[in-house]
Amino acid sequence: MMAHIEFIRLKGIDMRRRTNTGDDLATIEARRNALKAELAELDQRAKEAELAARDAGRPTLVAALDKVRIPAMGKAEAKAIATAIAQYGGDAVASHLASIAAT
């Protein structure tokens, strides 16, 4: 980056003077490190928000399961249902189940 140059008039003579713009290497590196730290914090917060969003439907599903009687099923069946919800979303699974019930 180029330093800013300011013209000043001293006793009728134009002189050029560099202004302090924070363009020295130490200032740039300090700012870069501060930005890296801020980005790392934002990345961590985004990761936590993503994990929370992925599991946001669990309380609703568990509450609904508590209100109905569910016949015995194996771990594989339960895992398949949970995986379908995770992969396709609750709307798609519910629509498919509704179409099965309609036939």
Protein backbone atom coordinates (compact mmCIF):
# COMPACT_ATOMS: atom_id res chain seq x y z
CA MET A 1 0.00 0.00 0.00
CA MET A 2 1.22 3.47 -0.67
CA ALA A 3 1.49 6.03 2.06
CA HIS A 4 -0.69 9.06 1.71
CA ILE A 5 1.17 12.22 0.89
CA GLU A 6 -0.05 15.52 2.20
CA PHE A 7 1.00 18.90 0.89
CA ILE A 8 1.74 21.58 3.41
CA ARG A 9 2.80 25.14 2.81
CA LEU A 10 5.60 26.29 5.05
CA LYS A 11 6.86 29.85 4.62
CA GLY A 12 5.61 29.94 1.06
CA ILE A 13 7.30 26.65 0.07
CA ASP A 14 5.26 23.57 -0.82
CA MET A 15 6.52 20.55 1.07
CA ARG A 16 5.39 16.96 0.95
CA ARG A 17 4.86 15.08 4.16
CA ARG A 18 3.84 11.48 4.66
CA THR A 19 0.81 11.00 6.83
CA ASN A 20 0.55 8.11 9.26
CA THR A 21 -2.07 5.75 7.77
CA GLY A 22 -1.22 2.58 9.67
CA ASP A 23 0.45 1.05 6.63
CA ASP A 24 3.49 -0.20 8.52
CA LEU A 25 4.04 -3.97 8.61
CA ALA A 26 3.43 -4.40 12.34
CA THR A 27 0.05 -2.67 12.13
CA ILE A 28 -0.98 -4.75 9.12
CA GLU A 29 0.05 -8.01 10.79
CA ALA A 30 -1.76 -7.09 14.01
CA ARG A 31 -4.93 -6.30 12.05
CA ARG A 32 -4.60 -9.54 10.06
CA ASN A 33 -4.23 -11.56 13.28
CA ALA A 34 -7.25 -9.84 14.80
CA LEU A 35 -9.32 -10.63 11.69
CA LYS A 36 -8.15 -14.26 11.71
CA ALA A 37 -9.21 -14.58 15.34
CA GLU A 38 -12.59 -13.04 14.56
CA LEU A 39 -13.07 -15.41 11.60
CA ALA A 40 -12.16 -18.40 13.77
CA GLU A 41 -14.78 -17.32 16.32
CA LEU A 42 -17.38 -16.87 13.58
CA ASP A 43 -16.53 -20.31 12.15
CA GLN A 44 -17.04 -21.88 15.58
CA ARG A 45 -20.35 -20.09 16.09
CA ALA A 46 -21.52 -21.15 12.62
CA LYS A 47 -20.58 -24.76 13.35
CA GLU A 48 -22.53 -24.70 16.63
CA ALA A 49 -25.55 -23.12 14.91
CA GLU A 50 -25.43 -25.73 12.14
CA LEU A 51 -25.34 -28.57 14.66
CA ALA A 52 -28.26 -27.06 16.57
CA ALA A 53 -30.26 -26.62 13.36
CA ARG A 54 -29.65 -30.24 12.36
CA ASP A 55 -31.19 -31.44 15.61
CA ALA A 56 -33.90 -28.79 16.00
CA GLY A 57 -36.76 -31.20 15.27
CA ARG A 58 -35.84 -33.79 17.89
CA PRO A 59 -37.93 -32.35 20.76
CA THR A 60 -41.01 -32.13 18.53
CA LEU A 61 -40.59 -35.71 17.29
CA VAL A 62 -40.01 -37.10 20.78
CA ALA A 63 -43.08 -35.24 22.09
CA ALA A 64 -45.18 -36.68 19.26
CA LEU A 65 -43.82 -40.19 19.87
CA ASP A 66 -44.76 -39.89 23.54
CA LYS A 67 -48.40 -39.34 22.54
CA VAL A 68 -48.85 -42.48 20.40
CA ARG A 69 -48.47 -46.18 21.01
CA ILE A 70 -45.68 -47.73 18.98
CA PRO A 71 -45.54 -51.49 18.44
CA ALA A 72 -42.28 -53.35 18.93
CA MET A 73 -39.59 -52.72 16.35
CA GLY A 74 -35.96 -53.55 15.97
CA LYS A 75 -32.99 -51.19 16.09
CA ALA A 76 -32.58 -51.46 12.32
CA GLU A 77 -36.15 -50.26 11.70
CA ALA A 78 -35.84 -47.39 14.17
CA LYS A 79 -32.51 -46.38 12.63
CA ALA A 80 -33.99 -46.52 9.11
CA ILE A 81 -36.86 -44.24 10.12
CA ALA A 82 -34.51 -41.80 11.86
CA THR A 83 -32.12 -41.82 8.89
CA ALA A 84 -34.97 -41.15 6.47
CA ILE A 85 -36.07 -38.15 8.54
CA ALA A 86 -32.48 -36.86 8.70
CA GLN A 87 -31.86 -37.39 4.99
CA TYR A 88 -35.16 -36.34 3.43
CA GLY A 89 -36.71 -34.16 6.12
CA GLY A 90 -39.86 -34.51 8.15
CA ASP A 91 -42.16 -33.15 5.42
CA ALA A 92 -41.05 -35.72 2.85
CA VAL A 93 -41.29 -38.63 5.28
CA ALA A 94 -44.69 -37.49 6.54
CA SER A 95 -45.98 -37.09 2.96
CA HIS A 96 -44.75 -40.56 2.05
CA LEU A 97 -46.33 -42.07 5.14
CA ALA A 98 -49.60 -40.28 4.35
CA SER A 99 -49.55 -41.70 0.84
CA ILE A 100 -49.02 -45.22 2.25
CA ALA A 101 -51.97 -44.74 4.62
CA ALA A 102 -54.18 -43.52 1.78
CA THR A 103 -53.75 -46.73 -0.22
